[in-house]
Amino acid sequence: MPSDRIPVNPRIYPTSIVIDQATKPTVPLVPRNSSISSDKGHTMGNNPPPYPQSLPPFRSLARQPKGRSCCCRVICCIFSLLATFLLVVGILALVFFLVFHPKVPSYSVDRLRITDFRLNLDLSLYARFNVRVTAKNPNKKIGIYYEKGGKMSVWYKKTNLCQGSFPAFYQSPLNTTATDVSLSGQNQYGNTLMQALQQQQQTGNIPLELKVDQPVSIKVQSMKLGKVRFLVNCQLTVDSLSSNNAISIKASNCKIRVKL
C-alpha cells in the first residue's frame, strides 16, 4: 500500500560564493558608449568614433631668467660699440700714417761741461753739469710742441748724479734745435762714489747715461693733437769728470721711445 507520508525532499543549502578580494574587476578595454569595428566592417554601438586629439606643444620647465638675458644684451652692445670704436681708430691711424708718414725725431749730445764737482763737509757729492742736446725733426708736415714738465738727468751705474728741467719750445717741420740744459744734484754717498769715479777715470773711459722724459704734442698742419711722451736714453763715454776742464765725448748713442 502506498504510504500516506509525503516524501520529504532533502534540504538544499545555498552555497556560499567566495570572492577573492585580491582579484579586482578589470577595466573594460573599450569604454562605454564607444564602438568597436569587427572584422566584417560592422560597428558596435551607436556613437561615432572619436576624433584624433593633438598633443599640446612641449614646453621646457626650465625658464631662463629675464635678468640674465638683459645682461647679455647689454654686454653684447658694449662689445659691439668697443669693436666699432677700435675699427674707426684703426682706420684713422692708417690714413694718418699713409698721408703724413710720421717719423720720430733724432737726438744727440754735442757738449758736456762740468761746472762744479766736489765733496761737501758732510761727505756728500755735489755735481753741476751743463749739457747741450740737439734735436732734429725729420717730418715734412708735422711740428712738435715740447711742453712744460720735461726732465733730464745724468746717471753713473744706476746712481743719479744730477737732474734738471728740459725747456719748452716749438720745433717746426724739418728743423734742428740745439738746447742747453743746466743740471745739478747732490748724492749722500759722495765719498764712495768719488772713489769709484776716480778709479774709472784712470782708464780714460767713464760711462754715463743721460735720460730725457719729455711730454710733447704733435701739430699736423693747423691742428694740435693729444700729448705723448718722448723717452730718450743716451749712452755716453767721456774721458774725465774734472771740473772746469774740457771734457771729450768719445762715444754717444741715443735711442728714443714713444709712450702714449
C-alpha atoms as a PDB file:
ATOM      1  CA  MET A   1       0.000   0.000   0.000  1.00  0.00           C
ATOM      2  CA  PRO A   2       1.131   3.255  -0.650  1.00  0.00           C
ATOM      3  CA  SER A   3       2.232   5.079   2.297  1.00  0.00           C
ATOM      4  CA  ASP A   4       0.326   8.129   3.366  1.00  0.00           C
ATOM      5  CA  ARG A   5       3.522  10.101   4.221  1.00  0.00           C
ATOM      6  CA  ILE A   6       4.575  12.809   1.946  1.00  0.00           C
ATOM      7  CA  PRO A   7       8.133  12.410   0.797  1.00  0.00           C
ATOM      8  CA  VAL A   8      10.383  14.974   2.155  1.00  0.00           C
ATOM      9  CA  ASN A   9      12.918  16.471  -0.222  1.00  0.00           C
ATOM     10  CA  PRO A  10      16.370  16.930   1.102  1.00  0.00           C
ATOM     11  CA  ARG A  11      17.190  20.437   2.113  1.00  0.00           C
ATOM     12  CA  ILE A  12      19.183  22.403  -0.336  1.00  0.00           C
ATOM     13  CA  TYR A  13      21.544  24.842   1.352  1.00  0.00           C
ATOM     14  CA  PRO A  14      22.771  27.728  -0.672  1.00  0.00           C
ATOM     15  CA  THR A  15      26.411  27.532  -1.404  1.00  0.00           C
ATOM     16  CA  SER A  16      28.444  30.468  -0.354  1.00  0.00           C
ATOM     17  CA  ILE A  17      30.382  32.206  -3.132  1.00  0.00           C
ATOM     18  CA  VAL A  18      33.828  33.311  -2.029  1.00  0.00           C
ATOM     19  CA  ILE A  19      35.148  36.272  -3.896  1.00  0.00           C
ATOM     20  CA  ASP A  20      38.864  36.748  -3.842  1.00  0.00           C
ATOM     21  CA  GLN A  21      39.483  40.241  -2.537  1.00  0.00           C
ATOM     22  CA  ALA A  22      42.775  40.358  -4.315  1.00  0.00           C
ATOM     23  CA  THR A  23      41.064  39.911  -7.630  1.00  0.00           C
ATOM     24  CA  LYS A  24      39.634  43.230  -8.766  1.00  0.00           C
ATOM     25  CA  PRO A  25      37.385  43.783 -11.689  1.00  0.00           C
ATOM     26  CA  THR A  26      39.364  44.768 -14.691  1.00  0.00           C
ATOM     27  CA  VAL A  27      38.658  47.916 -16.607  1.00  0.00           C
ATOM     28  CA  PRO A  28      36.980  47.158 -19.880  1.00  0.00           C
ATOM     29  CA  LEU A  29      39.231  47.568 -22.851  1.00  0.00           C
ATOM     30  CA  VAL A  30      36.579  49.564 -24.610  1.00  0.00           C
ATOM     31  CA  PRO A  31      34.843  52.353 -22.719  1.00  0.00           C
ATOM     32  CA  ARG A  32      31.134  52.600 -22.611  1.00  0.00           C
ATOM     33  CA  ASN A  33      29.192  54.257 -25.384  1.00  0.00           C
ATOM     34  CA  SER A  34      32.042  53.510 -27.788  1.00  0.00           C
ATOM     35  CA  SER A  35      32.076  51.392 -30.872  1.00  0.00           C
ATOM     36  CA  ILE A  36      34.299  48.536 -31.941  1.00  0.00           C
ATOM     37  CA  SER A  37      34.840  47.650 -35.517  1.00  0.00           C
ATOM     38  CA  SER A  38      34.538  43.965 -36.240  1.00  0.00           C
ATOM     39  CA  ASP A  39      36.347  42.040 -38.840  1.00  0.00           C
ATOM     40  CA  LYS A  40      33.312  42.259 -41.122  1.00  0.00           C
ATOM     41  CA  GLY A  41      33.256  46.031 -41.046  1.00  0.00           C
ATOM     42  CA  HIS A  42      30.262  46.317 -38.679  1.00  0.00           C
ATOM     43  CA  THR A  43      30.470  48.701 -35.758  1.00  0.00           C
ATOM     44  CA  MET A  44      29.192  48.044 -32.318  1.00  0.00           C
ATOM     45  CA  GLY A  45      27.365  50.805 -30.553  1.00  0.00           C
ATOM     46  CA  ASN A  46      25.650  53.931 -31.738  1.00  0.00           C
ATOM     47  CA  ASN A  47      28.370  56.586 -31.092  1.00  0.00           C
ATOM     48  CA  PRO A  48      30.746  57.649 -33.899  1.00  0.00           C
ATOM     49  CA  PRO A  49      34.491  57.001 -33.493  1.00  0.00           C
ATOM     50  CA  PRO A  50      36.372  59.678 -31.543  1.00  0.00           C
ATOM     51  CA  TYR A  51      38.397  62.251 -33.455  1.00  0.00           C
ATOM     52  CA  PRO A  52      42.212  62.178 -33.010  1.00  0.00           C
ATOM     53  CA  GLN A  53      43.366  64.725 -30.479  1.00  0.00           C
ATOM     54  CA  SER A  54      46.620  66.649 -30.964  1.00  0.00           C
ATOM     55  CA  LEU A  55      49.040  66.742 -28.047  1.00  0.00           C
ATOM     56  CA  PRO A  56      49.908  70.144 -26.559  1.00  0.00           C
ATOM     57  CA  PRO A  57      53.332  71.538 -27.541  1.00  0.00           C
ATOM     58  CA  PHE A  58      56.182  70.608 -25.261  1.00  0.00           C
ATOM     59  CA  ARG A  59      57.408  73.403 -23.065  1.00  0.00           C
ATOM     60  CA  SER A  60      60.584  73.254 -21.092  1.00  0.00           C
ATOM     61  CA  LEU A  61      60.084  73.665 -17.377  1.00  0.00           C
ATOM     62  CA  ALA A  62      63.446  75.418 -17.023  1.00  0.00           C
ATOM     63  CA  ARG A  63      62.839  79.063 -17.860  1.00  0.00           C
ATOM     64  CA  GLN A  64      65.705  81.450 -18.456  1.00  0.00           C
ATOM     65  CA  PRO A  65      65.580  84.381 -16.062  1.00  0.00           C
ATOM     66  CA  LYS A  66      64.860  87.761 -17.622  1.00  0.00           C
ATOM     67  CA  GLY A  67      67.701  89.492 -15.771  1.00  0.00           C
ATOM     68  CA  ARG A  68      70.323  87.284 -17.358  1.00  0.00           C
ATOM     69  CA  SER A  69      69.043  87.925 -20.876  1.00  0.00           C
ATOM     70  CA  CYS A  70      69.096  91.691 -20.244  1.00  0.00           C
ATOM     71  CA  CYS A  71      72.694  91.495 -19.007  1.00  0.00           C
ATOM     72  CA  CYS A  72      73.704  89.508 -22.078  1.00  0.00           C
ATOM     73  CA  ARG A  73      72.167  92.155 -24.336  1.00  0.00           C
ATOM     74  CA  VAL A  74      73.972  94.973 -22.540  1.00  0.00           C
ATOM     75  CA  ILE A  75      77.307  93.143 -22.736  1.00  0.00           C
ATOM     76  CA  CYS A  76      76.811  92.444 -26.441  1.00  0.00           C
ATOM     77  CA  CYS A  77      76.035  96.128 -27.068  1.00  0.00           C
ATOM     78  CA  ILE A  78      79.143  97.229 -25.178  1.00  0.00           C
ATOM     79  CA  PHE A  79      81.384  94.848 -27.115  1.00  0.00           C
ATOM     80  CA  SER A  80      79.842  95.961 -30.384  1.00  0.00           C
ATOM     81  CA  LEU A  81      80.457  99.640 -29.597  1.00  0.00           C
ATOM     82  CA  LEU A  82      84.019  98.894 -28.491  1.00  0.00           C
ATOM     83  CA  ALA A  83      84.750  96.932 -31.644  1.00  0.00           C
ATOM     84  CA  THR A  84      83.316  99.744 -33.773  1.00  0.00           C
ATOM     85  CA  PHE A  85      85.393 102.349 -31.932  1.00  0.00           C
ATOM     86  CA  LEU A  86      88.605 100.347 -32.342  1.00  0.00           C
ATOM     87  CA  LEU A  87      87.863  99.845 -36.018  1.00  0.00           C
ATOM     88  CA  VAL A  88      87.343 103.586 -36.572  1.00  0.00           C
ATOM     89  CA  VAL A  89      90.536 104.449 -34.650  1.00  0.00           C
ATOM     90  CA  GLY A  90      92.489 101.898 -36.666  1.00  0.00           C
ATOM     91  CA  ILE A  91      91.224 103.302 -39.948  1.00  0.00           C
ATOM     92  CA  LEU A  92      92.075 106.880 -38.906  1.00  0.00           C
ATOM     93  CA  ALA A  93      95.563 105.827 -37.769  1.00  0.00           C
ATOM     94  CA  LEU A  94      96.154 104.033 -41.063  1.00  0.00           C
ATOM     95  CA  VAL A  95      95.068 107.078 -43.041  1.00  0.00           C
ATOM     96  CA  PHE A  96      97.301 109.307 -40.896  1.00  0.00           C
ATOM     97  CA  PHE A  97     100.356 107.117 -41.488  1.00  0.00           C
ATOM     98  CA  LEU A  98      99.716 106.851 -45.212  1.00  0.00           C
ATOM     99  CA  VAL A  99      99.227 110.589 -45.695  1.00  0.00           C
ATOM    100  CA  PHE A 100     101.801 112.176 -43.358  1.00  0.00           C
ATOM    101  CA  HIS A 101     104.443 109.421 -42.946  1.00  0.00           C
ATOM    102  CA  PRO A 102     105.332 110.350 -39.322  1.00  0.00           C
ATOM    103  CA  LYS A 103     108.882 109.786 -38.091  1.00  0.00           C
ATOM    104  CA  VAL A 104     110.369 110.063 -34.618  1.00  0.00           C
ATOM    105  CA  PRO A 105     112.973 112.819 -34.112  1.00  0.00           C
ATOM    106  CA  SER A 106     116.627 112.072 -33.505  1.00  0.00           C
ATOM    107  CA  TYR A 107     118.804 113.336 -30.632  1.00  0.00           C
ATOM    108  CA  SER A 108     122.491 113.739 -29.955  1.00  0.00           C
ATOM    109  CA  VAL A 109     124.633 115.056 -27.084  1.00  0.00           C
ATOM    110  CA  ASP A 110     127.054 117.588 -28.528  1.00  0.00           C
ATOM    111  CA  ARG A 111     128.685 119.028 -25.438  1.00  0.00           C
ATOM    112  CA  LEU A 112     129.103 118.162 -21.760  1.00  0.00           C
ATOM    113  CA  ARG A 113     130.718 120.587 -19.344  1.00  0.00           C
ATOM    114  CA  ILE A 114     131.116 120.178 -15.582  1.00  0.00           C
ATOM    115  CA  THR A 115     130.989 123.479 -13.717  1.00  0.00           C
ATOM    116  CA  ASP A 116     131.146 122.028 -10.189  1.00  0.00           C
ATOM    117  CA  PHE A 117     132.086 118.568  -8.902  1.00  0.00           C
ATOM    118  CA  ARG A 118     133.170 118.355  -5.251  1.00  0.00           C
ATOM    119  CA  LEU A 119     132.772 116.712  -1.852  1.00  0.00           C
ATOM    120  CA  ASN A 120     130.971 118.655   0.858  1.00  0.00           C
ATOM    121  CA  LEU A 121     131.833 118.609   4.550  1.00  0.00           C
ATOM    122  CA  ASP A 122     129.111 116.021   5.185  1.00  0.00           C
ATOM    123  CA  LEU A 123     130.816 113.785   2.575  1.00  0.00           C
ATOM    124  CA  SER A 124     128.002 114.273   0.075  1.00  0.00           C
ATOM    125  CA  LEU A 125     128.911 114.733  -3.583  1.00  0.00           C
ATOM    126  CA  TYR A 126     127.680 117.892  -5.319  1.00  0.00           C
ATOM    127  CA  ALA A 127     127.660 117.963  -9.139  1.00  0.00           C
ATOM    128  CA  ARG A 128     126.676 120.631 -11.631  1.00  0.00           C
ATOM    129  CA  PHE A 129     126.644 119.833 -15.356  1.00  0.00           C
ATOM    130  CA  ASN A 130     125.831 121.779 -18.491  1.00  0.00           C
ATOM    131  CA  VAL A 131     124.621 119.647 -21.406  1.00  0.00           C
ATOM    132  CA  ARG A 132     123.877 120.636 -24.991  1.00  0.00           C
ATOM    133  CA  VAL A 133     121.336 118.389 -26.718  1.00  0.00           C
ATOM    134  CA  THR A 134     120.462 118.658 -30.399  1.00  0.00           C
ATOM    135  CA  ALA A 135     117.023 117.531 -31.631  1.00  0.00           C
ATOM    136  CA  LYS A 136     116.219 117.013 -35.324  1.00  0.00           C
ATOM    137  CA  ASN A 137     112.658 116.868 -36.667  1.00  0.00           C
ATOM    138  CA  PRO A 138     112.676 114.839 -39.915  1.00  0.00           C
ATOM    139  CA  ASN A 139     108.944 115.295 -40.660  1.00  0.00           C
ATOM    140  CA  LYS A 140     107.842 117.482 -43.561  1.00  0.00           C
ATOM    141  CA  LYS A 141     104.276 118.152 -42.380  1.00  0.00           C
ATOM    142  CA  ILE A 142     104.435 117.600 -38.615  1.00  0.00           C
ATOM    143  CA  GLY A 143     105.571 120.062 -35.960  1.00  0.00           C
ATOM    144  CA  ILE A 144     106.447 119.180 -32.359  1.00  0.00           C
ATOM    145  CA  TYR A 145     105.489 121.137 -29.248  1.00  0.00           C
ATOM    146  CA  TYR A 146     107.874 120.415 -26.362  1.00  0.00           C
ATOM    147  CA  GLU A 147     105.581 121.012 -23.397  1.00  0.00           C
ATOM    148  CA  LYS A 148     106.456 122.015 -19.850  1.00  0.00           C
ATOM    149  CA  GLY A 149     107.349 119.277 -17.388  1.00  0.00           C
ATOM    150  CA  GLY A 150     110.254 117.713 -19.291  1.00  0.00           C
ATOM    151  CA  LYS A 151     113.062 116.217 -17.169  1.00  0.00           C
ATOM    152  CA  MET A 152     116.699 115.411 -17.892  1.00  0.00           C
ATOM    153  CA  SER A 153     119.154 113.530 -15.668  1.00  0.00           C
ATOM    154  CA  VAL A 154     122.707 112.130 -15.772  1.00  0.00           C
ATOM    155  CA  TRP A 155     123.494 108.723 -14.220  1.00  0.00           C
ATOM    156  CA  TYR A 156     126.618 106.741 -13.409  1.00  0.00           C
ATOM    157  CA  LYS A 157     125.991 102.999 -12.972  1.00  0.00           C
ATOM    158  CA  LYS A 158     122.386 103.437 -11.766  1.00  0.00           C
ATOM    159  CA  THR A 159     123.383 106.332  -9.485  1.00  0.00           C
ATOM    160  CA  ASN A 160     121.775 109.707 -10.162  1.00  0.00           C
ATOM    161  CA  LEU A 161     124.442 112.432 -10.322  1.00  0.00           C
ATOM    162  CA  CYS A 162     122.293 115.437 -11.295  1.00  0.00           C
ATOM    163  CA  GLN A 163     118.975 116.403 -12.866  1.00  0.00           C
ATOM    164  CA  GLY A 164     117.198 119.404 -14.376  1.00  0.00           C
ATOM    165  CA  SER A 165     114.251 120.611 -16.442  1.00  0.00           C
ATOM    166  CA  PHE A 166     114.087 120.381 -20.211  1.00  0.00           C
ATOM    167  CA  PRO A 167     112.909 123.736 -21.679  1.00  0.00           C
ATOM    168  CA  ALA A 168     109.621 124.107 -23.553  1.00  0.00           C
ATOM    169  CA  PHE A 169     109.687 125.211 -27.207  1.00  0.00           C
ATOM    170  CA  TYR A 170     108.106 124.554 -30.604  1.00  0.00           C
ATOM    171  CA  GLN A 171     110.025 122.754 -33.330  1.00  0.00           C
ATOM    172  CA  SER A 172     108.748 123.300 -36.845  1.00  0.00           C
ATOM    173  CA  PRO A 173     108.963 120.636 -39.584  1.00  0.00           C
ATOM    174  CA  LEU A 174     112.456 119.838 -40.885  1.00  0.00           C
ATOM    175  CA  ASN A 175     114.006 121.900 -38.092  1.00  0.00           C
ATOM    176  CA  THR A 176     117.128 121.267 -35.993  1.00  0.00           C
ATOM    177  CA  THR A 177     117.202 122.766 -32.487  1.00  0.00           C
ATOM    178  CA  ALA A 178     120.149 122.823 -30.058  1.00  0.00           C
ATOM    179  CA  THR A 179     119.230 123.258 -26.384  1.00  0.00           C
ATOM    180  CA  ASP A 180     121.498 123.946 -23.383  1.00  0.00           C
ATOM    181  CA  VAL A 181     120.285 122.402 -20.136  1.00  0.00           C
ATOM    182  CA  SER A 182     121.727 123.032 -16.656  1.00  0.00           C
ATOM    183  CA  LEU A 183     121.701 120.058 -14.280  1.00  0.00           C
ATOM    184  CA  SER A 184     122.574 119.892 -10.596  1.00  0.00           C
ATOM    185  CA  GLY A 185     122.347 117.298  -7.844  1.00  0.00           C
ATOM    186  CA  GLN A 186     123.692 116.058  -4.526  1.00  0.00           C
ATOM    187  CA  ASN A 187     124.376 112.449  -3.535  1.00  0.00           C
ATOM    188  CA  GLN A 188     124.744 111.407   0.102  1.00  0.00           C
ATOM    189  CA  TYR A 189     127.171 108.576  -0.703  1.00  0.00           C
ATOM    190  CA  GLY A 190     129.699 111.057  -2.042  1.00  0.00           C
ATOM    191  CA  ASN A 191     132.886 109.546  -0.615  1.00  0.00           C
ATOM    192  CA  THR A 192     132.238 106.069  -2.064  1.00  0.00           C
ATOM    193  CA  LEU A 193     131.035 107.496  -5.352  1.00  0.00           C
ATOM    194  CA  MET A 194     134.052 109.799  -5.724  1.00  0.00           C
ATOM    195  CA  GLN A 195     136.474 106.924  -5.194  1.00  0.00           C
ATOM    196  CA  ALA A 196     134.704 104.818  -7.843  1.00  0.00           C
ATOM    197  CA  LEU A 197     134.778 107.709 -10.335  1.00  0.00           C
ATOM    198  CA  GLN A 198     138.484 108.371  -9.731  1.00  0.00           C
ATOM    199  CA  GLN A 199     139.325 104.715 -10.364  1.00  0.00           C
ATOM    200  CA  GLN A 200     137.216 104.754 -13.525  1.00  0.00           C
ATOM    201  CA  GLN A 201     138.862 107.998 -14.685  1.00  0.00           C
ATOM    202  CA  GLN A 202     142.283 106.316 -14.709  1.00  0.00           C
ATOM    203  CA  THR A 203     141.103 104.142 -17.597  1.00  0.00           C
ATOM    204  CA  GLY A 204     140.119 107.204 -19.643  1.00  0.00           C
ATOM    205  CA  ASN A 205     136.611 105.827 -20.287  1.00  0.00           C
ATOM    206  CA  ILE A 206     133.828 106.859 -17.919  1.00  0.00           C
ATOM    207  CA  PRO A 207     130.366 105.507 -18.840  1.00  0.00           C
ATOM    208  CA  LEU A 208     127.487 107.906 -18.279  1.00  0.00           C
ATOM    209  CA  GLU A 209     123.811 107.664 -19.065  1.00  0.00           C
ATOM    210  CA  LEU A 210     121.654 110.639 -19.997  1.00  0.00           C
ATOM    211  CA  LYS A 211     117.863 110.267 -19.713  1.00  0.00           C
ATOM    212  CA  VAL A 212     115.132 112.573 -21.011  1.00  0.00           C
ATOM    213  CA  ASP A 213     111.418 112.277 -20.170  1.00  0.00           C
ATOM    214  CA  GLN A 214     109.635 114.883 -22.272  1.00  0.00           C
ATOM    215  CA  PRO A 215     105.880 115.417 -22.881  1.00  0.00           C
ATOM    216  CA  VAL A 216     105.172 116.608 -26.421  1.00  0.00           C
ATOM    217  CA  SER A 217     102.190 117.468 -28.604  1.00  0.00           C
ATOM    218  CA  ILE A 218     102.020 116.825 -32.325  1.00  0.00           C
ATOM    219  CA  LYS A 219     100.910 119.566 -34.711  1.00  0.00           C
ATOM    220  CA  VAL A 220      99.518 118.431 -38.067  1.00  0.00           C
ATOM    221  CA  GLN A 221      99.031 121.461 -40.310  1.00  0.00           C
ATOM    222  CA  SER A 222      96.881 123.755 -38.130  1.00  0.00           C
ATOM    223  CA  MET A 223      95.558 121.030 -35.786  1.00  0.00           C
ATOM    224  CA  LYS A 224      97.216 120.180 -32.447  1.00  0.00           C
ATOM    225  CA  LEU A 225      96.791 116.568 -31.419  1.00  0.00           C
ATOM    226  CA  GLY A 226      96.974 114.925 -27.982  1.00  0.00           C
ATOM    227  CA  LYS A 227     100.067 114.555 -25.818  1.00  0.00           C
ATOM    228  CA  VAL A 228     102.572 111.734 -25.903  1.00  0.00           C
ATOM    229  CA  ARG A 229     105.898 111.248 -24.119  1.00  0.00           C
ATOM    230  CA  PHE A 230     109.372 111.006 -25.656  1.00  0.00           C
ATOM    231  CA  LEU A 231     111.667 108.798 -23.584  1.00  0.00           C
ATOM    232  CA  VAL A 232     115.266 109.392 -24.696  1.00  0.00           C
ATOM    233  CA  ASN A 233     118.189 107.305 -23.465  1.00  0.00           C
ATOM    234  CA  CYS A 234     121.743 108.287 -24.422  1.00  0.00           C
ATOM    235  CA  GLN A 235     124.748 106.115 -23.608  1.00  0.00           C
ATOM    236  CA  LEU A 236     127.839 108.314 -23.287  1.00  0.00           C
ATOM    237  CA  THR A 237     131.538 107.662 -22.780  1.00  0.00           C
ATOM    238  CA  VAL A 238     133.687 110.584 -21.601  1.00  0.00           C
ATOM    239  CA  ASP A 239     137.378 110.800 -20.787  1.00  0.00           C
ATOM    240  CA  SER A 240     137.136 112.599 -17.422  1.00  0.00           C
ATOM    241  CA  LEU A 241     134.886 114.388 -14.934  1.00  0.00           C
ATOM    242  CA  SER A 242     137.220 117.195 -13.989  1.00  0.00           C
ATOM    243  CA  SER A 243     135.606 120.472 -13.098  1.00  0.00           C
ATOM    244  CA  ASN A 244     136.063 123.483 -15.438  1.00  0.00           C
ATOM    245  CA  ASN A 245     138.017 121.390 -17.938  1.00  0.00           C
ATOM    246  CA  ALA A 246     137.181 120.434 -21.489  1.00  0.00           C
ATOM    247  CA  ILE A 247     135.523 117.030 -21.465  1.00  0.00           C
ATOM    248  CA  SER A 248     135.751 114.895 -24.559  1.00  0.00           C
ATOM    249  CA  ILE A 249     132.742 112.779 -25.534  1.00  0.00           C
ATOM    250  CA  LYS A 250     134.259 109.640 -27.008  1.00  0.00           C
ATOM    251  CA  ALA A 251     131.002 107.845 -27.836  1.00  0.00           C
ATOM    252  CA  SER A 252     127.333 108.805 -27.922  1.00  0.00           C
ATOM    253  CA  ASN A 253     124.348 106.643 -28.803  1.00  0.00           C
ATOM    254  CA  CYS A 254     120.805 107.952 -28.264  1.00  0.00           C
ATOM    255  CA  LYS A 255     117.599 105.954 -28.586  1.00  0.00           C
ATOM    256  CA  ILE A 256     114.058 107.254 -28.355  1.00  0.00           C
ATOM    257  CA  ARG A 257     110.838 105.506 -27.340  1.00  0.00           C
ATOM    258  CA  VAL A 258     107.341 106.963 -27.686  1.00  0.00           C
ATOM    259  CA  LYS A 259     104.951 106.380 -24.792  1.00  0.00           C
ATOM    260  CA  LEU A 260     101.239 107.069 -25.207  1.00  0.00           C
END
